[in-house]
N, C-alpha and C. Protein backbone atom coordinates (compact mmCIF):
# COMPACT_ATOMS: atom_id res chain seq x y z
N MET A 1 0.84 -1.03 -0.03
CA MET A 1 0.00 -0.13 0.06
C MET A 1 0.99 1.31 0.02
N LYS A 2 0.33 2.43 -0.75
CA LYS A 2 1.12 3.43 -1.13
C LYS A 2 0.83 4.49 0.45
N LYS A 3 2.08 4.69 0.63
CA LYS A 3 1.81 5.91 1.95
C LYS A 3 1.20 7.22 1.40
N LEU A 4 0.58 7.99 2.49
CA LEU A 4 0.01 9.17 2.10
C LEU A 4 0.63 10.19 1.30
N GLU A 5 2.04 10.23 1.40
CA GLU A 5 2.95 11.20 0.85
C GLU A 5 3.18 10.64 -0.65
N GLU A 6 3.12 9.37 -0.71
CA GLU A 6 3.35 9.01 -2.23
C GLU A 6 1.69 9.15 -3.03
N LEU A 7 0.82 9.33 -2.36
CA LEU A 7 -0.25 9.29 -3.30
C LEU A 7 -0.53 10.71 -4.05
N HIS A 8 -1.21 10.79 -5.17
CA HIS A 8 -1.42 11.99 -5.71
C HIS A 8 -2.03 12.89 -4.99
N PRO A 9 -1.79 14.40 -5.11
CA PRO A 9 -2.24 15.23 -4.08
C PRO A 9 -3.74 15.08 -3.83
N THR A 10 -4.38 14.99 -4.95
CA THR A 10 -5.97 15.00 -4.95
C THR A 10 -6.34 13.93 -4.31
N VAL A 11 -5.87 12.59 -4.29
CA VAL A 11 -6.31 11.47 -3.75
C VAL A 11 -5.99 11.47 -2.17
N ALA A 12 -4.67 12.11 -1.88
CA ALA A 12 -4.74 12.13 -0.44
C ALA A 12 -5.41 13.21 0.10
N ALA A 13 -5.87 14.03 -0.52
CA ALA A 13 -6.90 14.89 -0.10
C ALA A 13 -8.33 14.38 0.26
N PHE A 14 -8.47 13.56 -1.12
CA PHE A 14 -9.59 12.96 -0.68
C PHE A 14 -10.02 12.06 0.40
N LYS A 15 -8.92 11.30 0.67
CA LYS A 15 -8.63 10.51 1.89
C LYS A 15 -8.87 11.02 3.17
N GLU A 16 -8.09 12.31 3.31
CA GLU A 16 -8.30 12.91 4.46
C GLU A 16 -9.70 13.55 4.57
N PHE A 17 -10.52 14.15 3.53
CA PHE A 17 -11.85 14.38 3.28
C PHE A 17 -13.05 13.09 3.94
N ILE A 18 -12.65 11.82 3.76
CA ILE A 18 -13.13 10.77 4.04
C ILE A 18 -12.95 10.43 5.34
N ASN A 19 -11.88 10.56 5.92
CA ASN A 19 -11.65 10.81 7.47
C ASN A 19 -12.52 11.68 8.03
N LYS A 20 -12.83 12.61 7.62
CA LYS A 20 -13.45 13.58 8.22
C LYS A 20 -15.00 13.43 8.14
N HIS A 21 -15.47 12.61 7.27
CA HIS A 21 -16.71 12.22 7.19
C HIS A 21 -17.07 10.64 7.32
N PRO A 22 -16.78 10.07 8.65
CA PRO A 22 -16.86 8.81 8.93
C PRO A 22 -18.21 8.27 8.36
N SER A 23 -19.39 8.80 8.25
CA SER A 23 -20.54 8.19 8.05
C SER A 23 -20.59 7.72 6.13
N LEU A 24 -19.78 8.71 5.64
CA LEU A 24 -19.77 8.59 4.23
C LEU A 24 -18.80 7.24 4.00
N LEU A 25 -17.71 7.14 4.67
CA LEU A 25 -17.17 5.93 4.90
C LEU A 25 -17.94 4.70 5.14
N ARG A 26 -18.74 4.68 6.08
CA ARG A 26 -19.60 3.51 6.41
C ARG A 26 -20.82 3.49 4.92
N GLU A 27 -21.26 4.66 4.47
CA GLU A 27 -22.14 4.31 3.28
C GLU A 27 -21.43 3.66 2.28
N ILE A 28 -20.14 4.23 1.99
CA ILE A 28 -19.62 3.45 0.90
C ILE A 28 -19.34 1.98 0.86
N ARG A 29 -19.07 1.53 2.13
CA ARG A 29 -18.88 0.35 2.52
C ARG A 29 -20.03 -0.70 2.57
N LYS A 30 -21.13 -0.10 3.02
CA LYS A 30 -22.42 -0.41 3.22
C LYS A 30 -23.19 -0.68 1.99
N SER A 31 -23.05 0.20 0.79
CA SER A 31 -23.79 0.26 -0.24
C SER A 31 -23.15 -0.56 -1.51
N GLY A 32 -21.75 -0.66 -1.31
CA GLY A 32 -20.96 -1.24 -2.34
C GLY A 32 -20.68 -0.65 -3.52
N LYS A 33 -21.01 0.51 -3.50
CA LYS A 33 -20.33 1.64 -4.81
C LYS A 33 -19.41 1.81 -4.89
N SER A 34 -18.68 2.04 -5.80
CA SER A 34 -17.16 2.28 -6.01
C SER A 34 -16.75 3.59 -5.33
N TRP A 35 -15.47 3.58 -5.10
CA TRP A 35 -14.44 4.71 -4.49
C TRP A 35 -14.71 5.70 -5.41
N GLN A 36 -14.54 5.38 -6.50
CA GLN A 36 -14.44 6.12 -8.08
C GLN A 36 -15.48 7.03 -7.77
N GLU A 37 -16.78 6.41 -8.01
CA GLU A 37 -17.85 7.45 -7.81
C GLU A 37 -17.93 8.49 -6.88
N TYR A 38 -17.48 8.17 -5.66
CA TYR A 38 -17.70 9.39 -4.83
C TYR A 38 -16.11 10.08 -4.82
N TYR A 39 -15.26 9.86 -5.23
CA TYR A 39 -14.11 10.68 -5.53
C TYR A 39 -14.40 11.75 -6.67
N GLU A 40 -15.32 11.24 -7.78
CA GLU A 40 -15.82 11.81 -8.90
C GLU A 40 -16.54 13.24 -8.43
N LYS A 41 -17.55 12.67 -7.61
CA LYS A 41 -18.63 13.65 -7.05
C LYS A 41 -17.70 14.88 -6.15
N TRP A 42 -16.72 14.36 -5.34
CA TRP A 42 -16.08 15.13 -4.49
C TRP A 42 -15.29 16.42 -5.39
N VAL A 43 -14.47 15.51 -6.65
CA VAL A 43 -13.95 16.62 -7.29
C VAL A 43 -14.74 17.60 -8.16
N LEU A 44 -16.06 17.11 -8.64
CA LEU A 44 -16.76 18.00 -9.13
C LEU A 44 -17.38 19.14 -8.31
N LEU A 45 -17.96 18.68 -7.29
CA LEU A 45 -18.79 19.40 -6.28
C LEU A 45 -17.89 20.34 -5.40
N GLY A 46 -16.91 19.68 -5.08
CA GLY A 46 -16.02 20.26 -4.02
C GLY A 46 -16.45 19.77 -2.56
N GLU A 47 -15.52 19.97 -1.57
CA GLU A 47 -15.62 19.90 -0.02
C GLU A 47 -16.99 20.48 0.39
N ASP A 48 -17.21 21.55 0.16
CA ASP A 48 -18.34 22.50 0.70
C ASP A 48 -19.28 22.59 0.13
N ASP A 49 -19.82 21.44 -0.65
CA ASP A 49 -21.14 21.33 -1.34
C ASP A 49 -22.37 20.77 -0.13
N PRO A 50 -23.31 21.39 -0.36
CA PRO A 50 -24.56 20.62 0.69
C PRO A 50 -24.60 19.40 0.63
N TYR A 51 -24.40 18.60 -0.51
CA TYR A 51 -24.44 17.23 -0.55
C TYR A 51 -23.68 16.21 0.36
N TRP A 52 -22.73 16.83 0.81
CA TRP A 52 -21.87 16.04 1.86
C TRP A 52 -22.20 16.42 3.21
N GLU A 53 -22.99 17.46 3.49
CA GLU A 53 -23.48 17.90 4.72
C GLU A 53 -24.25 16.35 5.73
N ALA A 54 -24.83 15.57 4.78
CA ALA A 54 -25.57 14.49 5.38
C ALA A 54 -24.73 13.39 5.92
N PHE A 55 -23.42 13.54 5.33
CA PHE A 55 -22.47 12.61 5.79
C PHE A 55 -21.40 13.28 6.92
N LYS A 56 -21.51 14.27 7.36
CA LYS A 56 -20.43 15.00 8.15
C LYS A 56 -21.21 15.05 9.47
N GLU A 57 -20.01 14.57 10.32
CA GLU A 57 -20.02 14.21 11.71
C GLU A 57 -19.11 15.28 12.60
N ASN A 58 -19.37 15.58 13.69
CA ASN A 58 -18.44 16.42 14.54
C ASN A 58 -17.44 15.76 15.00
N LEU A 59 -17.35 14.76 15.29
CA LEU A 59 -16.11 14.08 15.89
C LEU A 59 -15.36 13.23 14.56
N PRO A 60 -13.91 13.21 14.94
CA PRO A 60 -13.41 12.43 13.97
C PRO A 60 -13.69 10.94 14.08
N TYR A 61 -13.22 10.19 13.03
CA TYR A 61 -13.60 8.60 13.18
C TYR A 61 -12.76 7.86 14.24
N GLU A 62 -11.51 8.37 14.66
CA GLU A 62 -10.94 7.42 16.14
C GLU A 62 -11.89 7.97 17.36
N ASN A 63 -12.71 9.11 17.47
CA ASN A 63 -13.24 9.16 18.54
C ASN A 63 -14.62 8.80 18.45
N GLU A 64 -15.07 8.30 17.32
CA GLU A 64 -16.27 7.72 17.17
C GLU A 64 -16.46 6.51 17.99
N LYS A 65 -15.61 5.62 17.76
CA LYS A 65 -15.26 4.49 18.45
C LYS A 65 -15.38 4.62 20.26
N GLU A 66 -14.73 5.51 20.52
CA GLU A 66 -14.62 6.00 22.23
C GLU A 66 -16.26 6.18 22.60
N THR A 67 -16.62 7.14 21.55
CA THR A 67 -18.30 7.72 21.87
C THR A 67 -19.26 6.58 22.01
N LYS A 68 -19.18 5.63 21.05
CA LYS A 68 -20.15 4.57 21.09
C LYS A 68 -20.00 3.82 22.47
N ALA A 69 -18.66 3.75 22.60
CA ALA A 69 -18.32 2.64 23.97
C ALA A 69 -18.77 3.35 24.98
N SER A 70 -18.37 4.80 25.30
CA SER A 70 -19.17 5.44 26.56
C SER A 70 -20.31 5.79 26.37
N GLY A 71 -21.21 5.59 25.44
CA GLY A 71 -22.56 5.60 25.13
C GLY A 71 -23.31 4.21 25.69
N LYS A 72 -22.52 3.17 25.62
CA LYS A 72 -23.06 1.99 26.08
C LYS A 72 -22.93 1.93 27.21
N ASP A 73 -21.78 2.35 27.98
CA ASP A 73 -21.57 2.36 29.30
C ASP A 73 -22.68 3.10 30.02
N SER A 74 -23.07 4.47 29.52
CA SER A 74 -24.09 5.07 30.11
C SER A 74 -25.22 4.52 29.93
N GLU A 75 -25.74 3.85 28.60
CA GLU A 75 -26.84 3.03 28.58
C GLU A 75 -26.86 1.73 29.73
N LEU A 76 -25.79 1.17 29.93
CA LEU A 76 -25.89 0.20 30.81
C LEU A 76 -26.23 0.71 32.30
N ILE A 77 -25.65 1.88 32.57
CA ILE A 77 -25.86 2.40 34.14
C ILE A 77 -27.26 3.04 34.07
N GLY A 78 -27.81 3.58 33.09
CA GLY A 78 -29.07 3.85 32.96
C GLY A 78 -30.25 2.82 33.22
N GLN A 79 -30.11 1.71 32.52
CA GLN A 79 -30.75 0.55 32.77
C GLN A 79 -30.36 0.13 34.25
N ILE A 80 -29.43 0.01 34.88
CA ILE A 80 -29.03 -0.56 36.10
C ILE A 80 -29.98 0.36 37.38
N MET A 81 -29.65 1.74 36.76
CA MET A 81 -30.63 2.69 37.55
C MET A 81 -32.15 2.60 37.76
N LYS A 82 -32.40 2.30 36.50
CA LYS A 82 -33.76 2.19 36.14
C LYS A 82 -34.48 0.71 36.97
N TYR A 83 -33.59 -0.39 37.04
CA TYR A 83 -33.98 -1.72 37.46
C TYR A 83 -33.95 -1.40 39.24
N THR A 84 -33.07 -0.71 39.76
CA THR A 84 -33.05 -0.38 41.03
C THR A 84 -34.11 0.52 41.52
N SER A 85 -34.26 1.28 40.75
CA SER A 85 -35.82 2.30 41.32
C SER A 85 -36.95 1.44 41.21
N ASN A 86 -37.06 0.33 40.61
CA ASN A 86 -38.41 -0.35 40.72
C ASN A 86 -38.17 -1.49 41.78
N LEU A 87 -37.08 -1.65 42.49
CA LEU A 87 -36.88 -2.55 43.39
C LEU A 87 -37.53 -2.27 44.65
N ASP A 88 -38.61 -3.44 45.36
CA ASP A 88 -38.97 -3.10 46.64
C ASP A 88 -38.06 -3.59 47.51
N ILE A 89 -37.38 -2.63 48.22
CA ILE A 89 -36.34 -3.32 49.59
C ILE A 89 -36.79 -3.88 50.39
N ASN A 90 -38.11 -3.85 50.96
CA ASN A 90 -38.67 -4.94 51.66
C ASN A 90 -39.32 -6.28 51.42
N LYS A 91 -39.49 -6.43 50.06
CA LYS A 91 -39.55 -7.65 49.74
C LYS A 91 -38.24 -8.25 49.16
N MET A 92 -37.14 -7.53 48.86
CA MET A 92 -36.04 -8.04 48.50
C MET A 92 -35.38 -8.71 49.82
N GLN A 93 -35.71 -8.02 50.81
CA GLN A 93 -34.99 -8.42 52.36
C GLN A 93 -35.66 -9.60 52.80
N GLY A 94 -37.17 -9.79 52.47
CA GLY A 94 -37.97 -10.86 52.82
C GLY A 94 -37.27 -12.32 52.05
N GLN A 95 -37.08 -11.88 50.69
CA GLN A 95 -36.35 -12.96 50.08
C GLN A 95 -34.94 -13.50 50.56
N VAL A 96 -34.13 -12.54 50.97
CA VAL A 96 -32.81 -12.88 51.25
C VAL A 96 -32.92 -13.59 52.70
N ASN A 97 -33.71 -13.27 53.43
CA ASN A 97 -34.30 -13.81 54.68
C ASN A 97 -34.62 -15.42 54.58
N GLN A 98 -35.76 -15.39 53.48
CA GLN A 98 -36.01 -16.97 53.17
C GLN A 98 -34.55 -17.71 52.51
N LEU A 99 -33.99 -17.29 51.76
CA LEU A 99 -32.67 -17.76 51.29
C LEU A 99 -31.71 -18.40 52.49
N SER A 100 -31.75 -17.46 53.62
CA SER A 100 -30.84 -17.56 54.59
C SER A 100 -31.25 -18.52 55.51
N LYS A 101 -32.66 -18.56 55.93
CA LYS A 101 -33.08 -19.81 56.51
C LYS A 101 -33.24 -21.22 55.75
N ALA A 102 -33.21 -21.29 54.36
CA ALA A 102 -33.16 -22.36 53.84
C ALA A 102 -31.65 -23.00 53.92
N ILE A 103 -30.75 -21.90 53.66
CA ILE A 103 -29.59 -22.29 53.61
C ILE A 103 -29.07 -22.99 55.11
N THR A 104 -29.47 -22.38 56.09
CA THR A 104 -29.32 -22.94 57.70
C THR A 104 -29.84 -24.23 57.76
N THR A 105 -31.02 -24.49 57.20
CA THR A 105 -31.88 -25.75 57.30
C THR A 105 -30.88 -26.85 56.74
N ILE A 106 -30.57 -26.65 55.52
CA ILE A 106 -29.48 -27.42 54.69
C ILE A 106 -28.48 -27.78 55.56
N GLN A 107 -27.75 -26.72 56.06
CA GLN A 107 -26.65 -27.06 56.95
C GLN A 107 -26.88 -27.98 58.09
N ASP A 108 -28.10 -27.74 58.92
CA ASP A 108 -28.59 -28.55 59.85
C ASP A 108 -28.77 -29.93 59.57
N MET A 109 -29.41 -30.01 58.33
CA MET A 109 -29.59 -31.44 57.79
C MET A 109 -28.16 -32.25 57.63
N ILE A 110 -27.34 -31.60 57.14
CA ILE A 110 -26.15 -32.20 56.95
C ILE A 110 -25.34 -32.42 58.13
N GLU A 111 -25.37 -31.68 59.15
CA GLU A 111 -24.67 -31.94 60.47
C GLU A 111 -25.44 -33.11 61.03
N GLN A 112 -26.88 -33.48 60.93
CA GLN A 112 -27.44 -34.34 61.64
C GLN A 112 -27.19 -35.73 60.87
N PHE A 113 -27.20 -35.67 59.40
CA PHE A 113 -26.40 -36.75 58.78
C PHE A 113 -25.14 -37.15 59.30
N LYS A 114 -24.17 -36.39 59.42
CA LYS A 114 -22.73 -36.78 59.71
C LYS A 114 -22.83 -37.43 61.11
N GLN A 115 -23.75 -36.71 62.14
CA GLN A 115 -23.72 -37.28 63.45
C GLN A 115 -24.44 -38.58 63.41
N THR A 116 -25.29 -39.19 62.44
CA THR A 116 -25.64 -40.45 62.51
C THR A 116 -24.83 -41.39 61.94
N GLN A 117 -24.01 -40.87 60.82
CA GLN A 117 -22.88 -41.86 60.17
C GLN A 117 -21.77 -42.26 61.40
N LYS A 118 -21.41 -41.15 62.37
CA LYS A 118 -20.59 -41.48 63.34
C LYS A 118 -21.13 -42.16 64.45
N SER A 119 -22.25 -42.13 64.70
CA SER A 119 -22.76 -43.09 66.22
C SER A 119 -23.23 -44.19 65.25
N THR A 120 -23.19 -44.41 64.01
CA THR A 120 -23.79 -45.92 63.64
C THR A 120 -22.43 -46.74 63.99
N PRO A 121 -22.22 -47.89 64.60
CA PRO A 121 -21.42 -48.93 64.88
C PRO A 121 -20.96 -49.60 63.37
N THR A 122 -19.80 -49.73 63.08
CA THR A 122 -19.25 -50.22 61.90
C THR A 122 -19.45 -52.01 62.21
N LYS A 123 -20.18 -52.68 61.38
CA LYS A 123 -20.55 -53.80 61.27
C LYS A 123 -19.23 -54.95 61.23
N ARG A 124 -18.97 -55.60 61.87
CA ARG A 124 -17.78 -56.90 61.70
C ARG A 124 -18.36 -57.96 60.93
N ASP A 125 -17.51 -58.08 60.01
CA ASP A 125 -17.44 -59.33 59.37
C ASP A 125 -17.46 -60.66 59.89
N PRO A 126 -18.59 -61.45 59.85
CA PRO A 126 -18.65 -62.82 60.86
C PRO A 126 -17.48 -63.90 60.17
N PHE A 127 -17.29 -63.65 59.05
CA PHE A 127 -16.40 -64.67 58.52
C PHE A 127 -15.00 -64.45 58.80
N ASN A 128 -14.48 -63.22 59.14
CA ASN A 128 -12.99 -62.88 59.40
C ASN A 128 -12.77 -63.04 61.02
N TRP A 129 -12.66 -64.15 61.21
CA TRP A 129 -12.37 -64.59 62.93
C TRP A 129 -10.93 -64.07 63.28
N MET A 130 -10.08 -64.08 61.96
CA MET A 130 -8.62 -63.90 62.61
C MET A 130 -7.98 -62.54 62.48
N LYS A 131 -9.05 -61.57 62.34
CA LYS A 131 -8.75 -60.07 62.26
C LYS A 131 -8.30 -59.53 63.52
N ASP A 132 -9.13 -60.02 64.59
CA ASP A 132 -9.16 -59.41 66.07
C ASP A 132 -7.53 -59.75 66.81
């Protein structure tokens, strides 16, 4: 691939123009139209033509990714806040108490099972007289 300095000046300028209009870049990739078609429009119309306003964004292409990520973060925080605002704290406390009681009951049952195993004497094999 040629470096930006090795490109023809108009091609390099078009490349910079595309980087300033990330939605145009996405449109070209999505539509499958050729770069040549948009390059010719750019040469004929110029950068300041109203045609390009539809593709213009305020942020450079690199910052767009960061904005989308921070948008997802703020969306997640918003969803969490919405969920917690709908929670009934008393109902939640009751459910936690029920879970705690269930765990305590299970622990008691396990403890009783262990005690019954310890208290049950081991049976001797009646056919093995020489072991004693």
